Amino acid sequence: MKKIVAVTACPTGIAHTYMAAEALLLAAKGLNVEIKVETNGAIGVENELTQQDIDNSIGVIIASDIYISKERFKNKEIIETNTRHTILDARKYIVQLLNK
């Protein structure tokens, strides 16, 4: 099973952060892809990605409306989008990453 990681975040860190994370989790399940999603919400970082998570993944989806450093994702395929687009069509971004 292919593994990917993702980071979601929005300026207020309430609804969109978690809605985008949920959309990614559901889409990944439907595509038979293992995913770990780090959320950067109002209460801070949850489900933080470890270096091992990143190393074992084929790539990263950053679904964010705020700046997220890409430093820790060196040598990984990265798809960048915002939370709104992810909520509407998370499957599209997972498929894009799988096809890179």
N, C-alpha and C. Protein backbone atom coordinates (compact mmCIF):
# COMPACT_ATOMS: atom_id res chain seq x y z
N MET A 1 0.84 -1.17 0.00
CA MET A 1 0.00 0.00 0.00
C MET A 1 0.89 1.24 0.00
N LYS A 2 0.58 2.19 -0.87
CA LYS A 2 1.34 3.43 -0.92
C LYS A 2 0.99 4.29 0.29
N LYS A 3 2.01 5.03 0.75
CA LYS A 3 1.84 5.89 1.91
C LYS A 3 2.12 7.33 1.51
N ILE A 4 1.26 8.24 1.98
CA ILE A 4 1.49 9.66 1.78
C ILE A 4 1.29 10.36 3.12
N VAL A 5 1.78 11.59 3.18
CA VAL A 5 1.57 12.42 4.35
C VAL A 5 0.98 13.74 3.89
N ALA A 6 0.34 14.43 4.83
CA ALA A 6 -0.27 15.71 4.50
C ALA A 6 -0.22 16.64 5.70
N VAL A 7 -0.31 17.93 5.40
CA VAL A 7 -0.39 18.96 6.42
C VAL A 7 -1.56 19.86 6.05
N THR A 8 -2.44 20.12 7.02
CA THR A 8 -3.54 21.04 6.79
C THR A 8 -3.46 22.18 7.80
N ALA A 9 -3.84 23.39 7.35
CA ALA A 9 -3.80 24.55 8.23
C ALA A 9 -4.61 25.69 7.63
N CYS A 10 -5.20 26.48 8.50
CA CYS A 10 -5.90 27.70 8.08
C CYS A 10 -5.60 28.79 9.09
N PRO A 11 -5.89 30.06 8.77
CA PRO A 11 -5.51 31.15 9.66
C PRO A 11 -6.11 31.05 11.07
N THR A 12 -7.36 30.64 11.19
CA THR A 12 -7.96 30.55 12.51
C THR A 12 -7.76 29.17 13.13
N GLY A 13 -7.48 28.18 12.29
CA GLY A 13 -7.19 26.84 12.79
C GLY A 13 -8.38 26.14 13.42
N ILE A 14 -9.54 26.43 12.89
CA ILE A 14 -10.72 25.78 13.46
C ILE A 14 -11.33 24.87 12.40
N ALA A 15 -12.31 25.32 11.69
CA ALA A 15 -13.08 24.44 10.81
C ALA A 15 -12.31 23.92 9.60
N HIS A 16 -11.75 24.80 8.80
CA HIS A 16 -11.17 24.37 7.53
C HIS A 16 -9.99 23.42 7.69
N THR A 17 -9.19 23.63 8.71
CA THR A 17 -8.06 22.73 8.98
C THR A 17 -8.54 21.29 9.12
N TYR A 18 -9.56 21.11 9.92
CA TYR A 18 -10.05 19.77 10.22
C TYR A 18 -10.94 19.20 9.12
N MET A 19 -11.66 20.08 8.43
CA MET A 19 -12.47 19.61 7.29
C MET A 19 -11.57 19.11 6.17
N ALA A 20 -10.47 19.82 5.91
CA ALA A 20 -9.52 19.38 4.87
C ALA A 20 -8.87 18.06 5.27
N ALA A 21 -8.51 17.93 6.54
CA ALA A 21 -7.91 16.68 7.02
C ALA A 21 -8.88 15.52 6.84
N GLU A 22 -10.12 15.71 7.20
CA GLU A 22 -11.13 14.66 7.07
C GLU A 22 -11.34 14.29 5.61
N ALA A 23 -11.38 15.28 4.74
CA ALA A 23 -11.55 15.02 3.31
C ALA A 23 -10.40 14.17 2.77
N LEU A 24 -9.18 14.47 3.19
CA LEU A 24 -8.02 13.70 2.76
C LEU A 24 -8.07 12.27 3.29
N LEU A 25 -8.45 12.11 4.54
CA LEU A 25 -8.54 10.77 5.13
C LEU A 25 -9.57 9.91 4.40
N LEU A 26 -10.73 10.49 4.10
CA LEU A 26 -11.78 9.74 3.40
C LEU A 26 -11.37 9.40 1.97
N ALA A 27 -10.77 10.36 1.28
CA ALA A 27 -10.34 10.12 -0.10
C ALA A 27 -9.25 9.05 -0.16
N ALA A 28 -8.31 9.11 0.77
CA ALA A 28 -7.22 8.12 0.80
C ALA A 28 -7.78 6.73 1.03
N LYS A 29 -8.72 6.62 1.94
CA LYS A 29 -9.33 5.32 2.22
C LYS A 29 -9.99 4.76 0.96
N GLY A 30 -10.69 5.61 0.23
CA GLY A 30 -11.34 5.20 -1.01
C GLY A 30 -10.37 4.78 -2.10
N LEU A 31 -9.16 5.31 -2.04
CA LEU A 31 -8.13 5.00 -3.03
C LEU A 31 -7.18 3.91 -2.54
N ASN A 32 -7.43 3.38 -1.37
CA ASN A 32 -6.58 2.36 -0.77
C ASN A 32 -5.14 2.86 -0.59
N VAL A 33 -5.03 4.07 -0.06
CA VAL A 33 -3.75 4.72 0.18
C VAL A 33 -3.66 5.01 1.67
N GLU A 34 -2.51 4.71 2.27
CA GLU A 34 -2.30 5.02 3.68
C GLU A 34 -1.88 6.49 3.78
N ILE A 35 -2.50 7.21 4.72
CA ILE A 35 -2.18 8.63 4.87
C ILE A 35 -2.09 8.99 6.35
N LYS A 36 -1.19 9.89 6.64
CA LYS A 36 -1.12 10.51 7.97
C LYS A 36 -1.23 12.00 7.75
N VAL A 37 -2.16 12.63 8.46
CA VAL A 37 -2.42 14.06 8.29
C VAL A 37 -2.08 14.81 9.57
N GLU A 38 -1.17 15.76 9.43
CA GLU A 38 -0.83 16.67 10.53
C GLU A 38 -1.73 17.89 10.41
N THR A 39 -2.38 18.27 11.51
CA THR A 39 -3.20 19.48 11.50
C THR A 39 -2.52 20.56 12.31
N ASN A 40 -2.58 21.77 11.77
CA ASN A 40 -2.05 22.94 12.45
C ASN A 40 -3.24 23.83 12.79
N GLY A 41 -3.87 23.53 13.91
CA GLY A 41 -5.11 24.19 14.28
C GLY A 41 -4.94 25.17 15.42
N ALA A 42 -6.07 25.62 15.93
CA ALA A 42 -6.10 26.61 16.99
C ALA A 42 -5.41 26.12 18.26
N ILE A 43 -5.41 24.80 18.47
CA ILE A 43 -4.77 24.26 19.67
C ILE A 43 -3.34 23.78 19.41
N GLY A 44 -2.81 24.16 18.26
CA GLY A 44 -1.44 23.79 17.92
C GLY A 44 -1.38 22.63 16.95
N VAL A 45 -0.21 22.04 16.84
CA VAL A 45 0.02 20.93 15.92
C VAL A 45 -0.49 19.64 16.56
N GLU A 46 -1.29 18.91 15.80
CA GLU A 46 -1.78 17.61 16.24
C GLU A 46 -1.38 16.57 15.21
N ASN A 47 -1.14 15.36 15.68
CA ASN A 47 -0.77 14.25 14.80
C ASN A 47 0.49 14.60 14.00
N GLU A 48 1.46 15.18 14.70
CA GLU A 48 2.67 15.69 14.05
C GLU A 48 3.39 14.60 13.26
N LEU A 49 3.79 14.96 12.07
CA LEU A 49 4.54 14.04 11.21
C LEU A 49 5.95 13.87 11.75
N THR A 50 6.39 12.63 11.85
CA THR A 50 7.76 12.36 12.24
C THR A 50 8.62 12.29 10.98
N GLN A 51 9.91 12.35 11.15
CA GLN A 51 10.79 12.21 10.00
C GLN A 51 10.61 10.83 9.36
N GLN A 52 10.34 9.83 10.18
CA GLN A 52 10.10 8.49 9.65
C GLN A 52 8.82 8.45 8.81
N ASP A 53 7.77 9.13 9.26
CA ASP A 53 6.54 9.22 8.47
C ASP A 53 6.84 9.80 7.09
N ILE A 54 7.59 10.87 7.09
CA ILE A 54 7.93 11.56 5.85
C ILE A 54 8.81 10.68 4.97
N ASP A 55 9.83 10.09 5.55
CA ASP A 55 10.74 9.23 4.79
C ASP A 55 10.03 8.03 4.16
N ASN A 56 9.04 7.49 4.85
CA ASN A 56 8.33 6.31 4.36
C ASN A 56 7.21 6.63 3.38
N SER A 57 7.00 7.91 3.10
CA SER A 57 5.93 8.31 2.20
C SER A 57 6.46 8.53 0.78
N ILE A 58 5.53 8.48 -0.17
CA ILE A 58 5.92 8.79 -1.55
C ILE A 58 5.86 10.29 -1.82
N GLY A 59 5.18 11.02 -0.95
CA GLY A 59 5.08 12.46 -1.13
C GLY A 59 4.16 13.11 -0.12
N VAL A 60 3.98 14.43 -0.32
CA VAL A 60 3.30 15.27 0.65
C VAL A 60 2.23 16.13 -0.01
N ILE A 61 1.10 16.25 0.65
CA ILE A 61 0.10 17.23 0.25
C ILE A 61 0.06 18.30 1.33
N ILE A 62 0.26 19.54 0.92
CA ILE A 62 0.14 20.66 1.85
C ILE A 62 -1.13 21.40 1.47
N ALA A 63 -2.14 21.28 2.32
CA ALA A 63 -3.43 21.94 2.10
C ALA A 63 -3.54 23.04 3.15
N SER A 64 -3.10 24.22 2.79
CA SER A 64 -2.96 25.27 3.79
C SER A 64 -3.29 26.64 3.24
N ASP A 65 -3.83 27.47 4.12
CA ASP A 65 -4.10 28.86 3.79
C ASP A 65 -3.10 29.79 4.47
N ILE A 66 -2.11 29.20 5.13
CA ILE A 66 -1.03 29.94 5.77
C ILE A 66 0.30 29.33 5.32
N TYR A 67 1.38 30.01 5.62
CA TYR A 67 2.70 29.52 5.22
C TYR A 67 3.05 28.26 6.02
N ILE A 68 3.46 27.22 5.29
CA ILE A 68 3.98 26.00 5.88
C ILE A 68 5.38 25.78 5.28
N SER A 69 6.38 25.70 6.12
CA SER A 69 7.74 25.47 5.64
C SER A 69 7.84 24.09 4.99
N LYS A 70 8.53 24.04 3.87
CA LYS A 70 8.73 22.77 3.17
C LYS A 70 10.09 22.16 3.49
N GLU A 71 10.83 22.76 4.37
CA GLU A 71 12.19 22.33 4.71
C GLU A 71 12.27 20.84 5.06
N ARG A 72 11.35 20.35 5.85
CA ARG A 72 11.42 18.95 6.29
C ARG A 72 10.99 17.95 5.21
N PHE A 73 10.51 18.46 4.08
CA PHE A 73 10.04 17.58 3.00
C PHE A 73 11.02 17.51 1.83
N LYS A 74 12.30 17.74 2.11
CA LYS A 74 13.33 17.69 1.06
C LYS A 74 13.27 16.35 0.34
N ASN A 75 13.46 16.39 -0.96
CA ASN A 75 13.51 15.19 -1.80
C ASN A 75 12.18 14.44 -1.87
N LYS A 76 11.08 15.09 -1.53
CA LYS A 76 9.75 14.48 -1.64
C LYS A 76 8.93 15.26 -2.66
N GLU A 77 8.07 14.54 -3.36
CA GLU A 77 7.11 15.20 -4.23
C GLU A 77 6.15 15.98 -3.32
N ILE A 78 5.82 17.20 -3.72
CA ILE A 78 4.92 18.03 -2.92
C ILE A 78 3.80 18.57 -3.81
N ILE A 79 2.59 18.41 -3.34
CA ILE A 79 1.43 19.03 -3.97
C ILE A 79 0.96 20.11 -2.99
N GLU A 80 0.85 21.35 -3.47
CA GLU A 80 0.38 22.43 -2.62
C GLU A 80 -0.97 22.93 -3.11
N THR A 81 -1.87 23.13 -2.17
CA THR A 81 -3.20 23.65 -2.46
C THR A 81 -3.70 24.36 -1.21
N ASN A 82 -4.95 24.76 -1.25
CA ASN A 82 -5.52 25.39 -0.06
C ASN A 82 -6.59 24.48 0.55
N THR A 83 -7.07 24.86 1.71
CA THR A 83 -8.04 24.00 2.40
C THR A 83 -9.35 23.90 1.63
N ARG A 84 -9.80 24.99 1.06
CA ARG A 84 -11.09 24.99 0.34
C ARG A 84 -11.08 23.98 -0.80
N HIS A 85 -10.05 24.04 -1.63
CA HIS A 85 -9.97 23.11 -2.76
C HIS A 85 -9.84 21.67 -2.28
N THR A 86 -9.15 21.47 -1.18
CA THR A 86 -9.00 20.12 -0.64
C THR A 86 -10.33 19.58 -0.13
N ILE A 87 -11.07 20.41 0.54
CA ILE A 87 -12.39 20.00 1.04
C ILE A 87 -13.29 19.60 -0.13
N LEU A 88 -13.23 20.36 -1.22
CA LEU A 88 -14.08 20.10 -2.38
C LEU A 88 -13.66 18.87 -3.17
N ASP A 89 -12.34 18.60 -3.25
CA ASP A 89 -11.89 17.48 -4.09
C ASP A 89 -10.53 16.94 -3.63
N ALA A 90 -10.48 16.39 -2.44
CA ALA A 90 -9.24 15.85 -1.91
C ALA A 90 -8.70 14.72 -2.78
N ARG A 91 -9.58 13.95 -3.35
CA ARG A 91 -9.19 12.81 -4.19
C ARG A 91 -8.27 13.28 -5.33
N LYS A 92 -8.59 14.40 -5.92
CA LYS A 92 -7.81 14.95 -7.04
C LYS A 92 -6.34 15.13 -6.66
N TYR A 93 -6.09 15.64 -5.46
CA TYR A 93 -4.71 15.91 -5.04
C TYR A 93 -3.96 14.63 -4.70
N ILE A 94 -4.66 13.66 -4.15
CA ILE A 94 -4.03 12.37 -3.88
C ILE A 94 -3.66 11.69 -5.19
N VAL A 95 -4.56 11.70 -6.15
CA VAL A 95 -4.30 11.10 -7.46
C VAL A 95 -3.13 11.81 -8.14
N GLN A 96 -3.08 13.14 -8.05
CA GLN A 96 -1.95 13.89 -8.63
C GLN A 96 -0.63 13.42 -8.02
N LEU A 97 -0.62 13.26 -6.73
CA LEU A 97 0.60 12.83 -6.05
C LEU A 97 0.97 11.40 -6.45
N LEU A 98 0.01 10.54 -6.55
CA LEU A 98 0.27 9.15 -6.95
C LEU A 98 0.81 9.07 -8.37
N ASN A 99 0.41 9.99 -9.22
CA ASN A 99 0.82 9.98 -10.64
C ASN A 99 2.14 10.68 -10.90
N LYS A 100 2.75 11.30 -9.89
CA LYS A 100 4.04 11.99 -10.10
C LYS A 100 5.17 10.98 -10.13
